Amino acid sequence: MHVQVLCRKPAPGHHVGVLDARLQLRATRLVYDTDNEFGGHCRITVRFAGARAIVTQEGSDQACGFGAFVDVSGTYMRIDRRRPPFDLVPLERSSPSPRALPAS
């Protein structure tokens, strides 16, 4: 399954976390793991329950390759049944502060 996350924390979006990965769906869970890729262990788990995705982050913002204070943990609701475009470029263009985004 293709997963994309663009998270800006704290408001108004000074720090950014981006995850773009293809993960294997096992039952109702996806797991993203890194070990020392960014200087520590990070595990992001996505569990699907109806129209919700419950996301947990184990590991620091730095260990996950995110900006300072970014944690993607939370419950997310489905807002549209259409297949998403999986393109972070339009999201980055709509950013109020493009200078805060990491360089490609």
N, C-alpha and C. Protein backbone atom coordinates (compact mmCIF):
# COMPACT_ATOMS: atom_id res chain seq x y z
N MET A 1 0.85 -1.16 0.00
CA MET A 1 0.00 0.00 0.00
C MET A 1 0.90 1.23 0.00
N HIS A 2 0.52 2.22 -0.76
CA HIS A 2 1.29 3.47 -0.83
C HIS A 2 0.79 4.41 0.25
N VAL A 3 1.72 4.91 1.08
CA VAL A 3 1.38 5.81 2.18
C VAL A 3 2.17 7.09 2.03
N GLN A 4 1.47 8.22 2.11
CA GLN A 4 2.13 9.52 2.13
C GLN A 4 1.60 10.32 3.30
N VAL A 5 2.53 10.94 4.01
CA VAL A 5 2.17 11.80 5.14
C VAL A 5 2.97 13.09 5.00
N LEU A 6 2.31 14.22 5.12
CA LEU A 6 2.95 15.52 5.20
C LEU A 6 2.40 16.17 6.46
N CYS A 7 3.25 16.35 7.45
CA CYS A 7 2.81 16.85 8.75
C CYS A 7 3.61 18.10 9.10
N ARG A 8 2.91 19.16 9.49
CA ARG A 8 3.55 20.40 9.91
C ARG A 8 3.22 20.64 11.38
N LYS A 9 4.26 20.76 12.21
CA LYS A 9 4.06 21.01 13.64
C LYS A 9 5.15 21.89 14.15
N PRO A 10 5.03 22.65 15.15
CA PRO A 10 3.75 23.20 15.62
C PRO A 10 3.27 24.28 14.66
N ALA A 11 2.03 24.67 14.82
CA ALA A 11 1.46 25.70 13.95
C ALA A 11 2.31 26.96 14.05
N PRO A 12 2.50 27.69 12.99
CA PRO A 12 1.90 27.60 11.67
C PRO A 12 2.70 26.78 10.68
N GLY A 13 3.46 25.83 11.10
CA GLY A 13 4.13 24.95 10.16
C GLY A 13 5.61 25.22 9.99
N HIS A 14 6.28 25.51 11.07
CA HIS A 14 7.71 25.76 10.97
C HIS A 14 8.53 24.49 10.79
N HIS A 15 8.04 23.36 11.24
CA HIS A 15 8.76 22.09 11.15
C HIS A 15 7.91 21.10 10.37
N VAL A 16 8.57 20.27 9.55
CA VAL A 16 7.86 19.41 8.62
C VAL A 16 8.32 17.96 8.76
N GLY A 17 7.37 17.05 8.64
CA GLY A 17 7.68 15.63 8.57
C GLY A 17 7.06 15.06 7.32
N VAL A 18 7.84 14.34 6.53
CA VAL A 18 7.35 13.76 5.29
C VAL A 18 7.67 12.27 5.29
N LEU A 19 6.67 11.47 4.98
CA LEU A 19 6.84 10.03 4.82
C LEU A 19 6.19 9.66 3.50
N ASP A 20 6.93 8.97 2.66
CA ASP A 20 6.43 8.51 1.36
C ASP A 20 6.98 7.11 1.16
N ALA A 21 6.15 6.09 1.37
CA ALA A 21 6.64 4.71 1.33
C ALA A 21 5.57 3.76 0.82
N ARG A 22 6.02 2.66 0.29
CA ARG A 22 5.13 1.55 -0.07
C ARG A 22 5.34 0.49 1.00
N LEU A 23 4.25 0.14 1.69
CA LEU A 23 4.31 -0.77 2.82
C LEU A 23 3.36 -1.94 2.59
N GLN A 24 3.71 -3.07 3.14
CA GLN A 24 2.86 -4.25 3.01
C GLN A 24 1.74 -4.18 4.05
N LEU A 25 0.51 -4.36 3.58
CA LEU A 25 -0.66 -4.38 4.46
C LEU A 25 -0.79 -5.78 5.02
N ARG A 26 -0.75 -5.88 6.34
CA ARG A 26 -0.92 -7.17 7.03
C ARG A 26 -2.16 -7.05 7.88
N ALA A 27 -3.21 -7.77 7.49
CA ALA A 27 -4.53 -7.69 8.14
C ALA A 27 -5.01 -6.25 8.02
N THR A 28 -5.02 -5.50 9.10
CA THR A 28 -5.48 -4.11 9.06
C THR A 28 -4.37 -3.15 9.48
N ARG A 29 -3.10 -3.57 9.35
CA ARG A 29 -1.97 -2.76 9.82
C ARG A 29 -0.89 -2.58 8.76
N LEU A 30 -0.28 -1.40 8.83
CA LEU A 30 0.93 -1.09 8.06
C LEU A 30 2.00 -0.71 9.07
N VAL A 31 3.24 -1.11 8.82
CA VAL A 31 4.33 -0.75 9.72
C VAL A 31 5.49 -0.21 8.91
N TYR A 32 5.97 0.98 9.31
CA TYR A 32 7.15 1.60 8.71
C TYR A 32 8.24 1.58 9.77
N ASP A 33 9.37 0.94 9.46
CA ASP A 33 10.48 0.82 10.42
C ASP A 33 11.76 1.38 9.82
N THR A 34 12.51 2.10 10.63
CA THR A 34 13.87 2.49 10.26
C THR A 34 14.76 2.15 11.44
N ASP A 35 15.97 1.77 11.14
CA ASP A 35 16.96 1.50 12.20
C ASP A 35 18.24 2.22 11.83
N ASN A 36 18.50 3.31 12.51
CA ASN A 36 19.70 4.13 12.33
C ASN A 36 19.79 4.81 10.97
N GLU A 37 18.73 4.77 10.18
CA GLU A 37 18.74 5.50 8.91
C GLU A 37 18.87 7.00 9.17
N PHE A 38 18.22 7.47 10.23
CA PHE A 38 18.26 8.88 10.58
C PHE A 38 18.89 9.10 11.96
N GLY A 39 19.59 8.11 12.48
CA GLY A 39 20.26 8.28 13.78
C GLY A 39 19.49 7.70 14.94
N GLY A 40 18.68 6.69 14.74
CA GLY A 40 17.93 6.07 15.81
C GLY A 40 16.86 5.16 15.25
N HIS A 41 16.10 4.53 16.14
CA HIS A 41 15.03 3.63 15.70
C HIS A 41 13.70 4.38 15.63
N CYS A 42 12.96 4.14 14.57
CA CYS A 42 11.64 4.74 14.39
C CYS A 42 10.69 3.67 13.88
N ARG A 43 9.52 3.61 14.46
CA ARG A 43 8.46 2.73 13.96
C ARG A 43 7.17 3.54 13.92
N ILE A 44 6.56 3.57 12.75
CA ILE A 44 5.25 4.21 12.58
C ILE A 44 4.28 3.10 12.19
N THR A 45 3.22 2.95 12.97
CA THR A 45 2.22 1.92 12.74
C THR A 45 0.91 2.59 12.38
N VAL A 46 0.26 2.10 11.33
CA VAL A 46 -1.05 2.60 10.92
C VAL A 46 -2.01 1.42 11.03
N ARG A 47 -3.05 1.60 11.84
CA ARG A 47 -4.08 0.57 12.01
C ARG A 47 -5.39 1.15 11.49
N PHE A 48 -6.05 0.41 10.62
CA PHE A 48 -7.30 0.87 10.02
C PHE A 48 -8.49 0.31 10.78
N ALA A 49 -9.45 1.18 11.08
CA ALA A 49 -10.68 0.79 11.78
C ALA A 49 -11.83 1.57 11.15
N GLY A 50 -12.53 0.93 10.21
CA GLY A 50 -13.62 1.63 9.52
C GLY A 50 -13.06 2.77 8.69
N ALA A 51 -13.59 3.96 8.91
CA ALA A 51 -13.14 5.15 8.17
C ALA A 51 -12.02 5.88 8.89
N ARG A 52 -11.43 5.23 9.87
CA ARG A 52 -10.35 5.86 10.64
C ARG A 52 -9.02 5.13 10.42
N ALA A 53 -7.95 5.89 10.56
CA ALA A 53 -6.60 5.34 10.59
C ALA A 53 -5.98 5.81 11.89
N ILE A 54 -5.58 4.87 12.73
CA ILE A 54 -4.96 5.20 14.02
C ILE A 54 -3.46 5.04 13.83
N VAL A 55 -2.74 6.14 13.98
CA VAL A 55 -1.30 6.17 13.70
C VAL A 55 -0.55 6.36 15.01
N THR A 56 0.47 5.53 15.23
CA THR A 56 1.35 5.68 16.39
C THR A 56 2.78 5.81 15.90
N GLN A 57 3.53 6.65 16.57
CA GLN A 57 4.94 6.87 16.25
C GLN A 57 5.76 6.50 17.47
N GLU A 58 6.68 5.55 17.30
CA GLU A 58 7.63 5.19 18.34
C GLU A 58 9.00 5.65 17.85
N GLY A 59 9.61 6.52 18.58
CA GLY A 59 10.89 7.07 18.18
C GLY A 59 10.78 8.58 18.08
N SER A 60 11.90 9.22 18.17
CA SER A 60 11.92 10.69 18.15
C SER A 60 11.68 11.23 16.75
N ASP A 61 11.41 12.52 16.70
CA ASP A 61 11.25 13.20 15.42
C ASP A 61 12.51 13.01 14.57
N GLN A 62 13.67 13.15 15.16
CA GLN A 62 14.93 13.00 14.44
C GLN A 62 15.11 11.57 13.94
N ALA A 63 14.80 10.58 14.77
CA ALA A 63 14.95 9.17 14.39
C ALA A 63 14.04 8.82 13.21
N CYS A 64 12.91 9.54 13.08
CA CYS A 64 11.97 9.28 11.98
C CYS A 64 12.28 10.13 10.75
N GLY A 65 13.30 10.98 10.83
CA GLY A 65 13.67 11.84 9.71
C GLY A 65 12.78 13.05 9.56
N PHE A 66 12.10 13.44 10.66
CA PHE A 66 11.19 14.57 10.64
C PHE A 66 11.86 15.81 11.23
N GLY A 67 11.21 16.95 11.04
CA GLY A 67 11.67 18.18 11.66
C GLY A 67 11.39 18.15 13.16
N ALA A 68 11.93 19.14 13.86
CA ALA A 68 11.79 19.22 15.31
C ALA A 68 10.33 19.24 15.74
N PHE A 69 10.02 18.45 16.77
CA PHE A 69 8.70 18.40 17.41
C PHE A 69 7.61 17.76 16.55
N VAL A 70 7.95 17.17 15.42
CA VAL A 70 6.93 16.55 14.56
C VAL A 70 6.69 15.12 15.03
N ASP A 71 5.44 14.82 15.32
CA ASP A 71 5.00 13.49 15.72
C ASP A 71 3.70 13.24 14.97
N VAL A 72 3.64 12.18 14.18
CA VAL A 72 2.46 11.94 13.34
C VAL A 72 1.38 11.12 14.04
N SER A 73 1.57 10.80 15.32
CA SER A 73 0.58 10.02 16.07
C SER A 73 -0.76 10.73 16.09
N GLY A 74 -1.82 9.95 15.97
CA GLY A 74 -3.17 10.51 16.04
C GLY A 74 -4.16 9.64 15.31
N THR A 75 -5.41 10.07 15.34
CA THR A 75 -6.48 9.38 14.63
C THR A 75 -6.91 10.26 13.47
N TYR A 76 -6.88 9.67 12.29
CA TYR A 76 -7.21 10.39 11.07
C TYR A 76 -8.49 9.81 10.48
N MET A 77 -9.35 10.67 9.97
CA MET A 77 -10.63 10.25 9.39
C MET A 77 -10.55 10.29 7.86
N ARG A 78 -11.19 9.33 7.23
CA ARG A 78 -11.30 9.36 5.77
C ARG A 78 -12.22 10.50 5.39
N ILE A 79 -11.79 11.31 4.46
CA ILE A 79 -12.62 12.45 4.03
C ILE A 79 -13.12 12.28 2.61
N ASP A 80 -12.58 11.29 1.90
CA ASP A 80 -12.97 11.08 0.52
C ASP A 80 -12.72 9.62 0.16
N ARG A 81 -13.63 9.03 -0.58
CA ARG A 81 -13.47 7.62 -0.97
C ARG A 81 -12.68 7.46 -2.28
N ARG A 82 -12.44 8.57 -2.97
CA ARG A 82 -11.67 8.49 -4.21
C ARG A 82 -10.21 8.13 -3.92
N ARG A 83 -9.57 7.50 -4.87
CA ARG A 83 -8.16 7.16 -4.74
C ARG A 83 -7.35 8.46 -4.72
N PRO A 84 -6.47 8.62 -3.74
CA PRO A 84 -5.67 9.85 -3.67
C PRO A 84 -4.62 9.89 -4.78
N PRO A 85 -4.17 11.08 -5.16
CA PRO A 85 -3.22 11.20 -6.26
C PRO A 85 -1.79 10.79 -5.90
N PHE A 86 -1.44 10.67 -4.63
CA PHE A 86 -0.09 10.33 -4.20
C PHE A 86 0.95 11.21 -4.85
N ASP A 87 0.80 12.48 -4.63
CA ASP A 87 1.72 13.46 -5.18
C ASP A 87 1.91 14.55 -4.14
N LEU A 88 3.09 14.60 -3.51
CA LEU A 88 3.33 15.60 -2.48
C LEU A 88 3.61 16.98 -3.06
N VAL A 89 3.92 17.07 -4.35
CA VAL A 89 4.25 18.35 -4.95
C VAL A 89 3.12 19.36 -4.80
N PRO A 90 1.84 19.03 -5.11
CA PRO A 90 0.78 20.03 -4.90
C PRO A 90 0.65 20.44 -3.43
N LEU A 91 0.87 19.52 -2.49
CA LEU A 91 0.81 19.87 -1.08
C LEU A 91 1.92 20.84 -0.72
N GLU A 92 3.12 20.61 -1.25
CA GLU A 92 4.24 21.50 -0.97
C GLU A 92 4.01 22.88 -1.58
N ARG A 93 3.42 22.93 -2.78
CA ARG A 93 3.15 24.21 -3.41
C ARG A 93 2.14 25.03 -2.63
N SER A 94 1.20 24.35 -1.96
CA SER A 94 0.17 25.06 -1.23
C SER A 94 0.64 25.49 0.16
N SER A 95 1.87 25.15 0.51
CA SER A 95 2.41 25.49 1.82
C SER A 95 2.51 26.99 1.99
N PRO A 96 2.10 27.52 3.15
CA PRO A 96 2.20 28.96 3.38
C PRO A 96 3.65 29.40 3.54
N SER A 97 4.56 28.46 3.83
CA SER A 97 5.96 28.81 4.05
C SER A 97 6.84 27.79 3.32
N PRO A 98 7.01 27.90 2.00
CA PRO A 98 7.75 26.89 1.26
C PRO A 98 9.20 26.77 1.70
N ARG A 99 9.76 27.82 2.30
CA ARG A 99 11.15 27.74 2.75
C ARG A 99 11.34 26.74 3.87
N ALA A 100 10.26 26.36 4.56
CA ALA A 100 10.35 25.43 5.68
C ALA A 100 10.44 23.98 5.21
N LEU A 101 10.18 23.72 3.93
CA LEU A 101 10.20 22.36 3.42
C LEU A 101 11.63 21.92 3.16
N PRO A 102 11.94 20.63 3.37
CA PRO A 102 13.29 20.16 3.12
C PRO A 102 13.60 20.16 1.63
N ALA A 103 14.86 20.37 1.32
CA ALA A 103 15.30 20.38 -0.07
C ALA A 103 15.27 18.96 -0.63
N SER A 104 14.97 18.81 -1.89
CA SER A 104 14.91 17.48 -2.52
C SER A 104 16.30 16.98 -2.80
